[in-house]
Amino acid sequence: MRFVGIDPATRTGVVALDEAGNVVLEVELKGAGKAEKGGLTIEQLVSLENQLYKLLKPGDEIAIEQAAAGTQKGITTGMIHGGLRSMIHRKGLAFNEVNPTWTKKYVGVSGWTKEEGKSRPLKDKEKKEAMKAATLEHFGYTHKSDNVVDAYIIARIAWNLFRRRELRQEVDRQPYQLEVVREILEKREAAEA
């Protein structure tokens, strides 16, 4: 059994953990094919989907990050997220959705910083650096790709979701991590009701 975290984007991070939490797969996928200005081509999207399909195995427990609210590239984001979810479904697997704020919360990143006594949102690069630093601090894990770092966090969420469903104690026990797991399970239960 593996616990797979997926951070969908034009460069998609994928991490799989074994039952002991060891990394057994860490990769950043990029769709092959001719690029065009303004987004992802169908050729690149199909390539990205096929790469993910080949990586997934029967019995994988999967968590996939949702699209960020207010994304500037809505059509491309929608194509990627929908395409990857259909590949998971085609493989006969289920998945839990992880809101991007939950990914940050899982490692204690709020997305804000204080400057001269005022709070302001972290900018893209600052947010990525904060996530890398927090992941290293929490789990001793780092990777050159911020997409893979996020996928690692999402894989840990998948691992802990499984443990909670199986009535085993979660491995990640910070109050904010337990809260993320609880929120995901409650949302899923409400959707299934």
N, C-alpha and C. Protein backbone atom coordinates (compact mmCIF):
# COMPACT_ATOMS: atom_id res chain seq x y z
N MET A 1 0.84 -1.18 0.00
CA MET A 1 0.00 0.00 0.00
C MET A 1 0.88 1.24 0.00
N ARG A 2 0.47 2.22 -0.82
CA ARG A 2 1.19 3.49 -0.87
C ARG A 2 0.22 4.62 -0.60
N PHE A 3 0.79 5.72 -0.12
CA PHE A 3 0.02 6.93 0.15
C PHE A 3 0.56 8.00 -0.79
N VAL A 4 -0.28 8.42 -1.73
CA VAL A 4 0.16 9.27 -2.83
C VAL A 4 -0.40 10.68 -2.66
N GLY A 5 0.49 11.65 -2.75
CA GLY A 5 0.11 13.05 -2.75
C GLY A 5 0.35 13.64 -4.12
N ILE A 6 -0.62 14.40 -4.62
CA ILE A 6 -0.51 15.00 -5.96
C ILE A 6 -0.78 16.49 -5.85
N ASP A 7 0.15 17.28 -6.36
CA ASP A 7 0.01 18.74 -6.44
C ASP A 7 -0.09 19.11 -7.91
N PRO A 8 -1.34 19.20 -8.44
CA PRO A 8 -1.52 19.43 -9.87
C PRO A 8 -1.10 20.83 -10.32
N ALA A 9 -0.40 20.89 -11.41
CA ALA A 9 0.00 22.15 -12.05
C ALA A 9 0.64 21.78 -13.38
N THR A 10 1.07 22.78 -14.15
CA THR A 10 1.76 22.46 -15.39
C THR A 10 3.00 21.62 -15.09
N ARG A 11 3.56 21.82 -13.92
CA ARG A 11 4.60 20.93 -13.37
C ARG A 11 3.98 20.31 -12.12
N THR A 12 3.55 19.07 -12.24
CA THR A 12 2.80 18.38 -11.20
C THR A 12 3.74 17.60 -10.29
N GLY A 13 3.64 17.85 -8.99
CA GLY A 13 4.42 17.09 -8.02
C GLY A 13 3.66 15.84 -7.62
N VAL A 14 4.39 14.71 -7.54
CA VAL A 14 3.80 13.45 -7.11
C VAL A 14 4.77 12.79 -6.12
N VAL A 15 4.26 12.44 -4.95
CA VAL A 15 5.06 11.74 -3.94
C VAL A 15 4.25 10.56 -3.44
N ALA A 16 4.91 9.42 -3.28
CA ALA A 16 4.29 8.24 -2.68
C ALA A 16 5.11 7.82 -1.47
N LEU A 17 4.39 7.51 -0.40
CA LEU A 17 5.00 7.01 0.84
C LEU A 17 4.58 5.56 1.04
N ASP A 18 5.46 4.77 1.66
CA ASP A 18 5.06 3.41 2.02
C ASP A 18 4.36 3.44 3.37
N GLU A 19 4.00 2.28 3.90
CA GLU A 19 3.23 2.22 5.14
C GLU A 19 4.01 2.70 6.36
N ALA A 20 5.33 2.81 6.23
CA ALA A 20 6.16 3.33 7.32
C ALA A 20 6.44 4.82 7.14
N GLY A 21 5.93 5.41 6.06
CA GLY A 21 6.13 6.83 5.80
C GLY A 21 7.40 7.14 5.02
N ASN A 22 8.06 6.11 4.49
CA ASN A 22 9.26 6.33 3.68
C ASN A 22 8.88 6.75 2.27
N VAL A 23 9.63 7.66 1.70
CA VAL A 23 9.39 8.11 0.33
C VAL A 23 9.82 7.00 -0.63
N VAL A 24 8.87 6.53 -1.44
CA VAL A 24 9.17 5.50 -2.43
C VAL A 24 9.07 6.05 -3.85
N LEU A 25 8.54 7.26 -3.98
CA LEU A 25 8.44 7.93 -5.28
C LEU A 25 8.37 9.42 -5.04
N GLU A 26 9.17 10.18 -5.75
CA GLU A 26 9.11 11.64 -5.71
C GLU A 26 9.51 12.13 -7.10
N VAL A 27 8.55 12.77 -7.76
CA VAL A 27 8.79 13.18 -9.13
C VAL A 27 7.96 14.42 -9.46
N GLU A 28 8.49 15.21 -10.36
CA GLU A 28 7.74 16.33 -10.91
C GLU A 28 7.46 16.00 -12.37
N LEU A 29 6.19 15.96 -12.72
CA LEU A 29 5.77 15.62 -14.08
C LEU A 29 5.50 16.89 -14.88
N LYS A 30 5.86 16.84 -16.14
CA LYS A 30 5.56 17.95 -17.05
C LYS A 30 5.11 17.33 -18.36
N GLY A 31 4.00 17.82 -18.88
CA GLY A 31 3.48 17.29 -20.14
C GLY A 31 4.44 17.54 -21.29
N ALA A 32 4.68 16.49 -22.05
CA ALA A 32 5.55 16.61 -23.22
C ALA A 32 4.73 17.10 -24.41
N GLY A 33 5.39 17.76 -25.33
CA GLY A 33 4.71 18.23 -26.53
C GLY A 33 5.01 19.69 -26.78
N LYS A 34 4.56 20.12 -27.93
CA LYS A 34 4.80 21.49 -28.35
C LYS A 34 4.03 22.47 -27.45
N ALA A 35 4.75 23.44 -26.93
CA ALA A 35 4.13 24.45 -26.07
C ALA A 35 3.56 25.58 -26.91
N GLU A 36 2.49 26.16 -26.40
CA GLU A 36 1.91 27.34 -27.02
C GLU A 36 1.75 28.41 -25.96
N LYS A 37 1.83 29.64 -26.38
CA LYS A 37 1.69 30.76 -25.45
C LYS A 37 0.28 30.75 -24.85
N GLY A 38 0.23 31.02 -23.54
CA GLY A 38 -1.08 31.19 -22.91
C GLY A 38 -1.64 29.98 -22.21
N GLY A 39 -0.87 28.93 -22.08
CA GLY A 39 -1.40 27.79 -21.33
C GLY A 39 -0.85 26.47 -21.78
N LEU A 40 -1.61 25.45 -21.53
CA LEU A 40 -1.23 24.07 -21.78
C LEU A 40 -1.93 23.59 -23.04
N THR A 41 -1.20 22.92 -23.91
CA THR A 41 -1.84 22.36 -25.11
C THR A 41 -2.48 21.03 -24.74
N ILE A 42 -3.39 20.57 -25.57
CA ILE A 42 -4.04 19.27 -25.36
C ILE A 42 -2.97 18.17 -25.37
N GLU A 43 -1.99 18.28 -26.25
CA GLU A 43 -0.91 17.30 -26.32
C GLU A 43 -0.16 17.22 -24.98
N GLN A 44 0.13 18.36 -24.40
CA GLN A 44 0.82 18.38 -23.11
C GLN A 44 -0.06 17.83 -21.99
N LEU A 45 -1.35 18.18 -22.01
CA LEU A 45 -2.28 17.69 -21.00
C LEU A 45 -2.39 16.17 -21.04
N VAL A 46 -2.57 15.61 -22.23
CA VAL A 46 -2.69 14.15 -22.38
C VAL A 46 -1.40 13.48 -21.92
N SER A 47 -0.27 14.05 -22.24
CA SER A 47 1.01 13.51 -21.80
C SER A 47 1.11 13.50 -20.27
N LEU A 48 0.72 14.60 -19.65
CA LEU A 48 0.73 14.71 -18.19
C LEU A 48 -0.19 13.66 -17.57
N GLU A 49 -1.40 13.54 -18.11
CA GLU A 49 -2.35 12.55 -17.61
C GLU A 49 -1.79 11.13 -17.74
N ASN A 50 -1.21 10.82 -18.90
CA ASN A 50 -0.67 9.48 -19.13
C ASN A 50 0.49 9.16 -18.18
N GLN A 51 1.32 10.17 -17.91
CA GLN A 51 2.44 9.95 -16.98
C GLN A 51 1.91 9.60 -15.59
N LEU A 52 0.89 10.33 -15.13
CA LEU A 52 0.32 10.05 -13.82
C LEU A 52 -0.32 8.66 -13.81
N TYR A 53 -1.06 8.34 -14.86
CA TYR A 53 -1.73 7.04 -14.94
C TYR A 53 -0.74 5.90 -14.76
N LYS A 54 0.43 6.01 -15.39
CA LYS A 54 1.44 4.95 -15.31
C LYS A 54 2.04 4.82 -13.91
N LEU A 55 2.02 5.91 -13.13
CA LEU A 55 2.61 5.88 -11.79
C LEU A 55 1.69 5.28 -10.74
N LEU A 56 0.38 5.37 -10.96
CA LEU A 56 -0.58 4.91 -9.96
C LEU A 56 -0.68 3.40 -9.95
N LYS A 57 -0.87 2.84 -8.73
CA LYS A 57 -0.97 1.39 -8.57
C LYS A 57 -2.27 1.04 -7.85
N PRO A 58 -2.79 -0.17 -8.10
CA PRO A 58 -3.98 -0.60 -7.37
C PRO A 58 -3.73 -0.51 -5.87
N GLY A 59 -4.72 -0.03 -5.14
CA GLY A 59 -4.61 0.06 -3.70
C GLY A 59 -4.01 1.35 -3.18
N ASP A 60 -3.54 2.23 -4.08
CA ASP A 60 -2.99 3.51 -3.63
C ASP A 60 -4.06 4.32 -2.92
N GLU A 61 -3.69 4.92 -1.81
CA GLU A 61 -4.52 5.90 -1.10
C GLU A 61 -4.06 7.26 -1.60
N ILE A 62 -4.95 8.02 -2.22
CA ILE A 62 -4.55 9.23 -2.91
C ILE A 62 -5.20 10.46 -2.29
N ALA A 63 -4.40 11.51 -2.18
CA ALA A 63 -4.92 12.84 -1.84
C ALA A 63 -4.40 13.78 -2.93
N ILE A 64 -5.28 14.63 -3.42
CA ILE A 64 -4.92 15.55 -4.49
C ILE A 64 -5.37 16.96 -4.09
N GLU A 65 -4.49 17.91 -4.34
CA GLU A 65 -4.81 19.28 -3.95
C GLU A 65 -5.83 19.88 -4.92
N GLN A 66 -6.78 20.63 -4.35
CA GLN A 66 -7.77 21.34 -5.15
C GLN A 66 -7.11 22.56 -5.79
N ALA A 67 -7.79 23.12 -6.76
CA ALA A 67 -7.32 24.37 -7.38
C ALA A 67 -7.44 25.50 -6.35
N ALA A 68 -6.48 26.38 -6.35
CA ALA A 68 -6.51 27.53 -5.45
C ALA A 68 -7.62 28.49 -5.88
N ALA A 69 -8.35 29.00 -4.92
CA ALA A 69 -9.40 29.97 -5.22
C ALA A 69 -8.78 31.22 -5.85
N GLY A 70 -9.43 31.74 -6.86
CA GLY A 70 -8.98 32.98 -7.49
C GLY A 70 -7.74 32.82 -8.35
N THR A 71 -7.45 31.60 -8.79
CA THR A 71 -6.27 31.42 -9.64
C THR A 71 -6.39 32.25 -10.91
N GLN A 72 -5.27 32.76 -11.37
CA GLN A 72 -5.25 33.64 -12.54
C GLN A 72 -5.35 32.87 -13.86
N LYS A 73 -5.07 31.59 -13.83
CA LYS A 73 -5.08 30.79 -15.05
C LYS A 73 -6.17 29.72 -14.93
N GLY A 74 -7.40 30.17 -14.81
CA GLY A 74 -8.52 29.29 -14.52
C GLY A 74 -8.73 28.16 -15.51
N ILE A 75 -8.65 28.44 -16.80
CA ILE A 75 -8.91 27.40 -17.80
C ILE A 75 -7.84 26.33 -17.74
N THR A 76 -6.57 26.73 -17.73
CA THR A 76 -5.47 25.77 -17.66
C THR A 76 -5.57 24.96 -16.37
N THR A 77 -5.81 25.63 -15.26
CA THR A 77 -5.92 24.95 -13.97
C THR A 77 -7.06 23.94 -14.00
N GLY A 78 -8.21 24.34 -14.53
CA GLY A 78 -9.35 23.44 -14.63
C GLY A 78 -9.05 22.22 -15.49
N MET A 79 -8.37 22.44 -16.60
CA MET A 79 -8.01 21.32 -17.47
C MET A 79 -7.10 20.33 -16.74
N ILE A 80 -6.10 20.84 -16.06
CA ILE A 80 -5.14 19.96 -15.37
C ILE A 80 -5.83 19.20 -14.24
N HIS A 81 -6.53 19.93 -13.37
CA HIS A 81 -7.17 19.29 -12.23
C HIS A 81 -8.20 18.26 -12.68
N GLY A 82 -9.03 18.61 -13.64
CA GLY A 82 -10.03 17.67 -14.14
C GLY A 82 -9.41 16.47 -14.82
N GLY A 83 -8.40 16.72 -15.62
CA GLY A 83 -7.74 15.63 -16.34
C GLY A 83 -7.08 14.63 -15.40
N LEU A 84 -6.39 15.13 -14.38
CA LEU A 84 -5.70 14.23 -13.45
C LEU A 84 -6.70 13.44 -12.61
N ARG A 85 -7.80 14.09 -12.23
CA ARG A 85 -8.82 13.37 -11.48
C ARG A 85 -9.45 12.27 -12.33
N SER A 86 -9.65 12.53 -13.61
CA SER A 86 -10.22 11.50 -14.47
C SER A 86 -9.25 10.33 -14.64
N MET A 87 -7.95 10.60 -14.63
CA MET A 87 -6.96 9.51 -14.72
C MET A 87 -7.01 8.64 -13.46
N ILE A 88 -7.16 9.28 -12.31
CA ILE A 88 -7.26 8.52 -11.06
C ILE A 88 -8.51 7.64 -11.12
N HIS A 89 -9.63 8.21 -11.54
CA HIS A 89 -10.89 7.47 -11.66
C HIS A 89 -10.75 6.34 -12.67
N ARG A 90 -10.13 6.62 -13.81
CA ARG A 90 -9.95 5.60 -14.84
C ARG A 90 -9.13 4.43 -14.32
N LYS A 91 -8.22 4.71 -13.41
CA LYS A 91 -7.39 3.66 -12.81
C LYS A 91 -8.19 2.86 -11.76
N GLY A 92 -9.41 3.29 -11.48
CA GLY A 92 -10.26 2.59 -10.52
C GLY A 92 -9.95 2.95 -9.08
N LEU A 93 -9.38 4.12 -8.88
CA LEU A 93 -9.00 4.55 -7.54
C LEU A 93 -9.85 5.73 -7.08
N ALA A 94 -9.90 5.92 -5.79
CA ALA A 94 -10.61 7.06 -5.20
C ALA A 94 -9.56 8.04 -4.69
N PHE A 95 -10.02 9.23 -4.32
CA PHE A 95 -9.08 10.22 -3.79
C PHE A 95 -9.80 11.14 -2.82
N ASN A 96 -9.01 11.73 -1.95
CA ASN A 96 -9.48 12.79 -1.07
C ASN A 96 -8.96 14.10 -1.63
N GLU A 97 -9.79 15.13 -1.56
CA GLU A 97 -9.36 16.44 -2.01
C GLU A 97 -8.83 17.24 -0.83
N VAL A 98 -7.73 17.94 -1.07
CA VAL A 98 -7.08 18.74 -0.04
C VAL A 98 -7.09 20.20 -0.51
N ASN A 99 -7.75 21.04 0.25
CA ASN A 99 -7.76 22.46 -0.05
C ASN A 99 -6.34 23.01 0.12
N PRO A 100 -5.88 23.92 -0.76
CA PRO A 100 -4.52 24.47 -0.62
C PRO A 100 -4.26 25.10 0.75
N THR A 101 -5.28 25.66 1.38
CA THR A 101 -5.06 26.23 2.73
C THR A 101 -4.77 25.12 3.74
N TRP A 102 -5.34 23.93 3.54
CA TRP A 102 -5.05 22.80 4.43
C TRP A 102 -3.61 22.33 4.26
N THR A 103 -3.11 22.37 3.02
CA THR A 103 -1.71 21.97 2.79
C THR A 103 -0.79 22.88 3.60
N LYS A 104 -1.04 24.18 3.53
CA LYS A 104 -0.23 25.15 4.29
C LYS A 104 -0.40 24.94 5.79
N LYS A 105 -1.64 24.81 6.22
CA LYS A 105 -1.94 24.66 7.64
C LYS A 105 -1.26 23.41 8.23
N TYR A 106 -1.13 22.36 7.42
CA TYR A 106 -0.56 21.10 7.90
C TYR A 106 0.88 21.25 8.38
N VAL A 107 1.57 22.26 7.84
CA VAL A 107 2.95 22.52 8.27
C VAL A 107 3.06 23.86 8.99
N GLY A 108 1.92 24.41 9.40
CA GLY A 108 1.93 25.62 10.21
C GLY A 108 2.21 26.90 9.47
N VAL A 109 1.99 26.92 8.15
CA VAL A 109 2.20 28.14 7.36
C VAL A 109 0.85 28.84 7.19
N SER A 110 0.78 30.07 7.61
CA SER A 110 -0.48 30.81 7.55
C SER A 110 -0.69 31.52 6.21
N GLY A 111 0.40 31.78 5.51
CA GLY A 111 0.29 32.55 4.27
C GLY A 111 0.41 34.05 4.49
N TRP A 112 0.70 34.44 5.75
CA TRP A 112 0.83 35.85 6.11
C TRP A 112 2.16 36.09 6.81
N THR A 113 2.62 37.33 6.75
CA THR A 113 3.82 37.74 7.48
C THR A 113 3.58 39.11 8.08
N LYS A 114 4.33 39.43 9.11
CA LYS A 114 4.22 40.76 9.73
C LYS A 114 5.39 41.60 9.26
N GLU A 115 5.07 42.80 8.85
CA GLU A 115 6.07 43.75 8.38
C GLU A 115 5.74 45.10 8.98
N GLU A 116 6.67 45.65 9.74
CA GLU A 116 6.46 46.97 10.36
C GLU A 116 5.14 47.03 11.13
N GLY A 117 4.86 45.96 11.87
CA GLY A 117 3.65 45.93 12.69
C GLY A 117 2.36 45.64 11.95
N LYS A 118 2.44 45.45 10.62
CA LYS A 118 1.25 45.16 9.82
C LYS A 118 1.37 43.76 9.21
N SER A 119 0.24 43.11 9.06
CA SER A 119 0.22 41.81 8.38
C SER A 119 0.01 42.01 6.89
N ARG A 120 0.67 41.19 6.12
CA ARG A 120 0.47 41.19 4.67
C ARG A 120 0.60 39.76 4.17
N PRO A 121 -0.10 39.45 3.08
CA PRO A 121 0.01 38.08 2.55
C PRO A 121 1.40 37.83 1.97
N LEU A 122 1.85 36.59 2.12
CA LEU A 122 3.12 36.21 1.50
C LEU A 122 2.95 36.21 -0.02
N LYS A 123 3.97 36.66 -0.71
CA LYS A 123 3.98 36.61 -2.17
C LYS A 123 4.37 35.20 -2.61
N ASP A 124 4.18 34.89 -3.90
CA ASP A 124 4.40 33.54 -4.41
C ASP A 124 5.71 32.91 -3.96
N LYS A 125 6.83 33.59 -4.23
CA LYS A 125 8.14 33.02 -3.88
C LYS A 125 8.30 32.90 -2.37
N GLU A 126 7.81 33.88 -1.63
CA GLU A 126 7.88 33.82 -0.17
C GLU A 126 7.08 32.64 0.37
N LYS A 127 5.91 32.42 -0.22
CA LYS A 127 5.04 31.31 0.20
C LYS A 127 5.74 29.97 -0.04
N LYS A 128 6.37 29.85 -1.21
CA LYS A 128 7.06 28.61 -1.54
C LYS A 128 8.23 28.36 -0.60
N GLU A 129 8.97 29.41 -0.29
CA GLU A 129 10.10 29.28 0.64
C GLU A 129 9.62 28.93 2.05
N ALA A 130 8.51 29.53 2.48
CA ALA A 130 7.95 29.23 3.80
C ALA A 130 7.51 27.77 3.86
N MET A 131 6.92 27.27 2.80
CA MET A 131 6.48 25.87 2.76
C MET A 131 7.68 24.92 2.81
N LYS A 132 8.73 25.24 2.05
CA LYS A 132 9.93 24.39 2.06
C LYS A 132 10.55 24.36 3.46
N ALA A 133 10.68 25.54 4.08
CA ALA A 133 11.29 25.62 5.41
C ALA A 133 10.44 24.87 6.44
N ALA A 134 9.13 25.03 6.38
CA ALA A 134 8.24 24.37 7.34
C ALA A 134 8.25 22.85 7.15
N THR A 135 8.33 22.38 5.92
CA THR A 135 8.35 20.94 5.65
C THR A 135 9.65 20.34 6.16
N LEU A 136 10.74 21.05 5.96
CA LEU A 136 12.03 20.60 6.48
C LEU A 136 11.99 20.55 8.01
N GLU A 137 11.44 21.57 8.62
CA GLU A 137 11.36 21.64 10.08
C GLU A 137 10.45 20.54 10.65
N HIS A 138 9.30 20.33 10.05
CA HIS A 138 8.35 19.34 10.57
C HIS A 138 8.78 17.89 10.31
N PHE A 139 9.30 17.64 9.10
CA PHE A 139 9.50 16.25 8.68
C PHE A 139 10.93 15.92 8.24
N GLY A 140 11.80 16.92 8.18
CA GLY A 140 13.16 16.67 7.70
C GLY A 140 13.21 16.39 6.21
N TYR A 141 12.19 16.83 5.48
CA TYR A 141 12.10 16.55 4.04
C TYR A 141 12.29 17.83 3.25
N THR A 142 13.06 17.71 2.18
CA THR A 142 13.20 18.82 1.24
C THR A 142 13.38 18.28 -0.17
N HIS A 143 13.14 19.13 -1.13
CA HIS A 143 13.30 18.78 -2.55
C HIS A 143 13.48 20.08 -3.30
N LYS A 144 14.16 20.02 -4.42
CA LYS A 144 14.39 21.26 -5.19
C LYS A 144 13.10 21.82 -5.78
N SER A 145 12.11 20.97 -6.01
CA SER A 145 10.83 21.41 -6.59
C SER A 145 9.82 21.71 -5.50
N ASP A 146 9.27 22.92 -5.50
CA ASP A 146 8.23 23.25 -4.52
C ASP A 146 6.97 22.43 -4.76
N ASN A 147 6.73 21.99 -6.00
CA ASN A 147 5.58 21.13 -6.30
C ASN A 147 5.72 19.76 -5.63
N VAL A 148 6.93 19.24 -5.61
CA VAL A 148 7.19 17.95 -4.96
C VAL A 148 7.10 18.11 -3.44
N VAL A 149 7.57 19.23 -2.91
CA VAL A 149 7.45 19.49 -1.47
C VAL A 149 5.97 19.50 -1.08
N ASP A 150 5.15 20.21 -1.83
CA ASP A 150 3.71 20.23 -1.55
C ASP A 150 3.11 18.83 -1.67
N ALA A 151 3.53 18.08 -2.69
CA ALA A 151 3.02 16.71 -2.87
C ALA A 151 3.41 15.83 -1.69
N TYR A 152 4.58 16.07 -1.11
CA TYR A 152 5.00 15.31 0.06
C TYR A 152 4.05 15.58 1.23
N ILE A 153 3.73 16.84 1.46
CA ILE A 153 2.80 17.19 2.53
C ILE A 153 1.45 16.51 2.29
N ILE A 154 0.98 16.56 1.05
CA ILE A 154 -0.31 15.97 0.69
C ILE A 154 -0.27 14.44 0.87
N ALA A 155 0.88 13.81 0.56
CA ALA A 155 1.02 12.36 0.78
C ALA A 155 0.95 12.04 2.27
N ARG A 156 1.53 12.88 3.10
CA ARG A 156 1.44 12.68 4.56
C ARG A 156 -0.01 12.82 5.03
N ILE A 157 -0.72 13.75 4.42
CA ILE A 157 -2.15 13.89 4.76
C ILE A 157 -2.88 12.61 4.39
N ALA A 158 -2.62 12.07 3.19
CA ALA A 158 -3.25 10.81 2.76
C ALA A 158 -2.95 9.69 3.74
N TRP A 159 -1.71 9.59 4.19
CA TRP A 159 -1.28 8.57 5.14
C TRP A 159 -2.04 8.69 6.46
N ASN A 160 -2.15 9.89 6.96
CA ASN A 160 -2.83 10.12 8.23
C ASN A 160 -4.34 9.98 8.11
N LEU A 161 -4.92 10.34 6.95
CA LEU A 161 -6.35 10.10 6.72
C LEU A 161 -6.65 8.61 6.79
N PHE A 162 -5.81 7.82 6.15
CA PHE A 162 -5.99 6.36 6.16
C PHE A 162 -5.90 5.83 7.58
N ARG A 163 -4.89 6.26 8.31
CA ARG A 163 -4.71 5.78 9.69
C ARG A 163 -5.93 6.12 10.55
N ARG A 164 -6.45 7.32 10.37
CA ARG A 164 -7.63 7.74 11.17
C ARG A 164 -8.85 6.90 10.80
N ARG A 165 -9.05 6.67 9.49
CA ARG A 165 -10.19 5.85 9.05
C ARG A 165 -10.08 4.42 9.57
N GLU A 166 -8.86 3.93 9.69
CA GLU A 166 -8.63 2.56 10.17
C GLU A 166 -8.56 2.47 11.69
N LEU A 167 -8.90 3.59 12.36
CA LEU A 167 -8.91 3.69 13.82
C LEU A 167 -7.53 3.44 14.43
N ARG A 168 -6.51 3.84 13.68
CA ARG A 168 -5.14 3.83 14.21
C ARG A 168 -4.77 5.27 14.54
N GLN A 169 -3.81 5.42 15.42
CA GLN A 169 -3.39 6.77 15.78
C GLN A 169 -2.64 7.42 14.61
N GLU A 170 -2.93 8.69 14.38
CA GLU A 170 -2.23 9.43 13.34
C GLU A 170 -0.76 9.54 13.71
N VAL A 171 0.08 9.62 12.71
CA VAL A 171 1.51 9.78 12.90
C VAL A 171 1.83 11.25 13.17
N ASP A 172 1.19 12.14 12.44
CA ASP A 172 1.40 13.57 12.61
C ASP A 172 0.38 14.06 13.64
N ARG A 173 0.87 14.54 14.79
CA ARG A 173 0.00 14.77 15.93
C ARG A 173 -0.10 16.22 16.38
N GLN A 174 0.42 17.16 15.60
CA GLN A 174 0.25 18.56 15.97
C GLN A 174 -1.24 18.89 15.91
N PRO A 175 -1.75 19.75 16.79
CA PRO A 175 -3.19 20.06 16.77
C PRO A 175 -3.69 20.54 15.41
N TYR A 176 -2.91 21.35 14.70
CA TYR A 176 -3.34 21.84 13.39
C TYR A 176 -3.34 20.73 12.35
N GLN A 177 -2.48 19.72 12.50
CA GLN A 177 -2.48 18.59 11.58
C GLN A 177 -3.71 17.70 11.82
N LEU A 178 -4.00 17.45 13.09
CA LEU A 178 -5.19 16.67 13.43
C LEU A 178 -6.46 17.37 12.96
N GLU A 179 -6.45 18.70 13.05
CA GLU A 179 -7.60 19.48 12.60
C GLU A 179 -7.80 19.36 11.09
N VAL A 180 -6.72 19.38 10.33
CA VAL A 180 -6.81 19.23 8.87
C VAL A 180 -7.41 17.87 8.53
N VAL A 181 -6.91 16.81 9.16
CA VAL A 181 -7.42 15.46 8.90
C VAL A 181 -8.91 15.40 9.23
N ARG A 182 -9.28 15.93 10.38
CA ARG A 182 -10.69 15.93 10.78
C ARG A 182 -11.56 16.70 9.79
N GLU A 183 -11.09 17.89 9.35
CA GLU A 183 -11.87 18.70 8.41
C GLU A 183 -12.07 17.98 7.08
N ILE A 184 -11.05 17.32 6.59
CA ILE A 184 -11.18 16.58 5.32
C ILE A 184 -12.19 15.46 5.47
N LEU A 185 -12.08 14.69 6.54
CA LEU A 185 -13.01 13.57 6.74
C LEU A 185 -14.44 14.06 6.93
N GLU A 186 -14.63 15.14 7.67
CA GLU A 186 -15.97 15.69 7.86
C GLU A 186 -16.56 16.17 6.55
N LYS A 187 -15.75 16.82 5.72
CA LYS A 187 -16.23 17.30 4.42
C LYS A 187 -16.62 16.12 3.53
N ARG A 188 -15.81 15.08 3.56
CA ARG A 188 -16.10 13.90 2.74
C ARG A 188 -17.38 13.23 3.21
N GLU A 189 -17.53 13.08 4.52
CA GLU A 189 -18.74 12.45 5.07
C GLU A 189 -19.98 13.24 4.71
N ALA A 190 -19.88 14.58 4.78
CA ALA A 190 -21.02 15.44 4.44
C ALA A 190 -21.39 15.28 2.95
N ALA A 191 -20.39 15.15 2.10
CA ALA A 191 -20.64 15.00 0.66
C ALA A 191 -21.28 13.65 0.35
N GLU A 192 -20.93 12.63 1.12
CA GLU A 192 -21.47 11.30 0.89
C GLU A 192 -22.85 11.10 1.49
N ALA A 193 -23.26 12.01 2.38
CA ALA A 193 -24.56 11.86 3.07
C ALA A 193 -25.73 12.22 2.17
